[in-house]
Amino acid sequence: MKVETGLVVGKGLGDVVADFTHATGVNKLADLYTNVTGKDCGCAARQDALNQIVPNILPG
């Protein structure tokens, strides 16, 4: 039995979290926050910060 996780070697933690939020639809809450308040949710900054801290979640 083969299970595909969608994780890619060399993908940063921020990218993995972003993929998860898109796959589960959680990112829609961030979009709603931005639309209602007019303020940026900060998702891109958090994604970049996580990628800096853990650049390769699955090192080759």
N, C-alpha and C. Protein backbone atom coordinates (compact mmCIF):
# COMPACT_ATOMS: atom_id res chain seq x y z
N MET A 1 0.84 -1.17 0.00
CA MET A 1 0.00 0.00 0.00
C MET A 1 0.89 1.24 0.00
N LYS A 2 0.63 2.17 -0.90
CA LYS A 2 1.42 3.38 -1.01
C LYS A 2 0.56 4.57 -0.59
N VAL A 3 1.09 5.38 0.33
CA VAL A 3 0.37 6.55 0.80
C VAL A 3 1.16 7.78 0.42
N GLU A 4 0.52 8.71 -0.27
CA GLU A 4 1.18 9.95 -0.65
C GLU A 4 0.81 11.03 0.35
N THR A 5 1.83 11.68 0.91
CA THR A 5 1.59 12.71 1.92
C THR A 5 1.59 14.10 1.31
N GLY A 6 2.19 14.26 0.14
CA GLY A 6 2.31 15.58 -0.46
C GLY A 6 3.52 16.34 0.05
N LEU A 7 4.24 15.78 1.02
CA LEU A 7 5.45 16.42 1.51
C LEU A 7 6.56 16.26 0.48
N VAL A 8 7.32 17.30 0.31
CA VAL A 8 8.38 17.30 -0.69
C VAL A 8 9.71 17.46 0.03
N VAL A 9 10.70 16.69 -0.38
CA VAL A 9 12.04 16.81 0.20
C VAL A 9 12.54 18.22 -0.05
N GLY A 10 13.05 18.83 1.01
CA GLY A 10 13.59 20.17 0.90
C GLY A 10 12.55 21.26 1.07
N LYS A 11 11.32 20.92 1.35
CA LYS A 11 10.28 21.91 1.55
C LYS A 11 10.35 22.41 2.98
N GLY A 12 10.28 23.71 3.16
CA GLY A 12 10.35 24.30 4.48
C GLY A 12 9.09 24.08 5.29
N LEU A 13 9.22 24.21 6.60
CA LEU A 13 8.09 23.99 7.50
C LEU A 13 6.95 24.96 7.19
N GLY A 14 7.27 26.20 6.89
CA GLY A 14 6.24 27.18 6.56
C GLY A 14 5.45 26.78 5.34
N ASP A 15 6.13 26.21 4.34
CA ASP A 15 5.44 25.75 3.13
C ASP A 15 4.54 24.56 3.43
N VAL A 16 4.99 23.68 4.31
CA VAL A 16 4.20 22.51 4.68
C VAL A 16 2.93 22.95 5.42
N VAL A 17 3.09 23.90 6.35
CA VAL A 17 1.94 24.41 7.09
C VAL A 17 0.97 25.12 6.14
N ALA A 18 1.49 25.89 5.20
CA ALA A 18 0.64 26.58 4.23
C ALA A 18 -0.13 25.57 3.37
N ASP A 19 0.54 24.52 2.94
CA ASP A 19 -0.13 23.48 2.15
C ASP A 19 -1.25 22.84 2.96
N PHE A 20 -0.99 22.59 4.24
CA PHE A 20 -2.00 21.99 5.12
C PHE A 20 -3.22 22.91 5.27
N THR A 21 -2.96 24.20 5.50
CA THR A 21 -4.08 25.12 5.69
C THR A 21 -4.90 25.27 4.41
N HIS A 22 -4.25 25.21 3.26
CA HIS A 22 -4.98 25.27 1.99
C HIS A 22 -5.79 24.00 1.78
N ALA A 23 -5.20 22.86 2.09
CA ALA A 23 -5.88 21.58 1.88
C ALA A 23 -7.10 21.42 2.79
N THR A 24 -7.02 21.98 4.00
CA THR A 24 -8.13 21.84 4.94
C THR A 24 -9.11 23.00 4.88
N GLY A 25 -8.75 24.06 4.16
CA GLY A 25 -9.64 25.21 4.03
C GLY A 25 -9.49 26.23 5.14
N VAL A 26 -8.54 26.02 6.04
CA VAL A 26 -8.33 26.95 7.15
C VAL A 26 -7.90 28.32 6.63
N ASN A 27 -7.24 28.35 5.49
CA ASN A 27 -6.78 29.63 4.94
C ASN A 27 -7.95 30.56 4.62
N LYS A 28 -9.15 30.02 4.47
CA LYS A 28 -10.33 30.85 4.19
C LYS A 28 -10.62 31.77 5.38
N LEU A 29 -10.31 31.33 6.61
CA LEU A 29 -10.49 32.18 7.78
C LEU A 29 -9.56 33.39 7.72
N ALA A 30 -8.35 33.17 7.28
CA ALA A 30 -7.39 34.27 7.15
C ALA A 30 -7.87 35.25 6.08
N ASP A 31 -8.41 34.72 4.98
CA ASP A 31 -8.95 35.58 3.94
C ASP A 31 -10.13 36.39 4.47
N LEU A 32 -10.98 35.76 5.24
CA LEU A 32 -12.14 36.44 5.83
C LEU A 32 -11.68 37.55 6.77
N TYR A 33 -10.69 37.26 7.60
CA TYR A 33 -10.13 38.26 8.51
C TYR A 33 -9.64 39.48 7.73
N THR A 34 -8.90 39.23 6.65
CA THR A 34 -8.37 40.32 5.84
C THR A 34 -9.50 41.12 5.21
N ASN A 35 -10.52 40.44 4.71
CA ASN A 35 -11.64 41.14 4.07
C ASN A 35 -12.45 41.96 5.06
N VAL A 36 -12.64 41.45 6.26
CA VAL A 36 -13.46 42.14 7.26
C VAL A 36 -12.71 43.32 7.89
N THR A 37 -11.46 43.10 8.25
CA THR A 37 -10.70 44.14 8.97
C THR A 37 -9.90 45.05 8.05
N GLY A 38 -9.60 44.59 6.84
CA GLY A 38 -8.75 45.36 5.95
C GLY A 38 -7.27 45.26 6.30
N LYS A 39 -6.95 44.43 7.29
CA LYS A 39 -5.57 44.25 7.73
C LYS A 39 -5.03 42.92 7.19
N ASP A 40 -3.73 42.92 6.92
CA ASP A 40 -3.08 41.69 6.49
C ASP A 40 -3.06 40.69 7.64
N CYS A 41 -3.33 39.44 7.34
CA CYS A 41 -3.36 38.41 8.38
C CYS A 41 -1.97 38.04 8.87
N GLY A 42 -0.95 38.32 8.09
CA GLY A 42 0.42 38.01 8.49
C GLY A 42 0.86 36.60 8.13
N CYS A 43 0.06 35.90 7.36
CA CYS A 43 0.37 34.51 7.02
C CYS A 43 1.69 34.38 6.26
N ALA A 44 1.91 35.26 5.30
CA ALA A 44 3.13 35.18 4.49
C ALA A 44 4.38 35.39 5.35
N ALA A 45 4.29 36.33 6.29
CA ALA A 45 5.43 36.60 7.18
C ALA A 45 5.71 35.40 8.08
N ARG A 46 4.63 34.78 8.60
CA ARG A 46 4.82 33.59 9.45
C ARG A 46 5.38 32.44 8.63
N GLN A 47 4.90 32.29 7.40
CA GLN A 47 5.40 31.22 6.53
C GLN A 47 6.89 31.41 6.28
N ASP A 48 7.29 32.63 5.97
CA ASP A 48 8.71 32.91 5.74
C ASP A 48 9.55 32.66 7.00
N ALA A 49 9.03 33.07 8.16
CA ALA A 49 9.76 32.87 9.41
C ALA A 49 9.95 31.38 9.70
N LEU A 50 8.89 30.59 9.50
CA LEU A 50 9.01 29.14 9.72
C LEU A 50 9.99 28.51 8.74
N ASN A 51 9.98 28.98 7.52
CA ASN A 51 10.93 28.46 6.52
C ASN A 51 12.37 28.80 6.90
N GLN A 52 12.56 29.95 7.53
CA GLN A 52 13.90 30.33 7.99
C GLN A 52 14.36 29.46 9.14
N ILE A 53 13.42 29.14 10.05
CA ILE A 53 13.76 28.35 11.23
C ILE A 53 13.99 26.89 10.87
N VAL A 54 13.10 26.33 10.03
CA VAL A 54 13.19 24.92 9.61
C VAL A 54 13.11 24.90 8.08
N PRO A 55 14.25 25.10 7.41
CA PRO A 55 14.23 25.20 5.95
C PRO A 55 13.95 23.89 5.22
N ASN A 56 14.31 22.78 5.80
CA ASN A 56 14.09 21.48 5.14
C ASN A 56 13.46 20.52 6.13
N ILE A 57 12.15 20.36 6.02
CA ILE A 57 11.47 19.49 6.97
C ILE A 57 11.84 18.01 6.72
N LEU A 58 12.12 17.69 5.49
CA LEU A 58 12.55 16.35 5.14
C LEU A 58 13.84 16.42 4.36
N PRO A 59 14.97 16.58 5.06
CA PRO A 59 16.24 16.70 4.34
C PRO A 59 16.56 15.47 3.52
N GLY A 60 17.18 15.72 2.38
CA GLY A 60 17.52 14.63 1.44
C GLY A 60 18.61 13.83 1.90
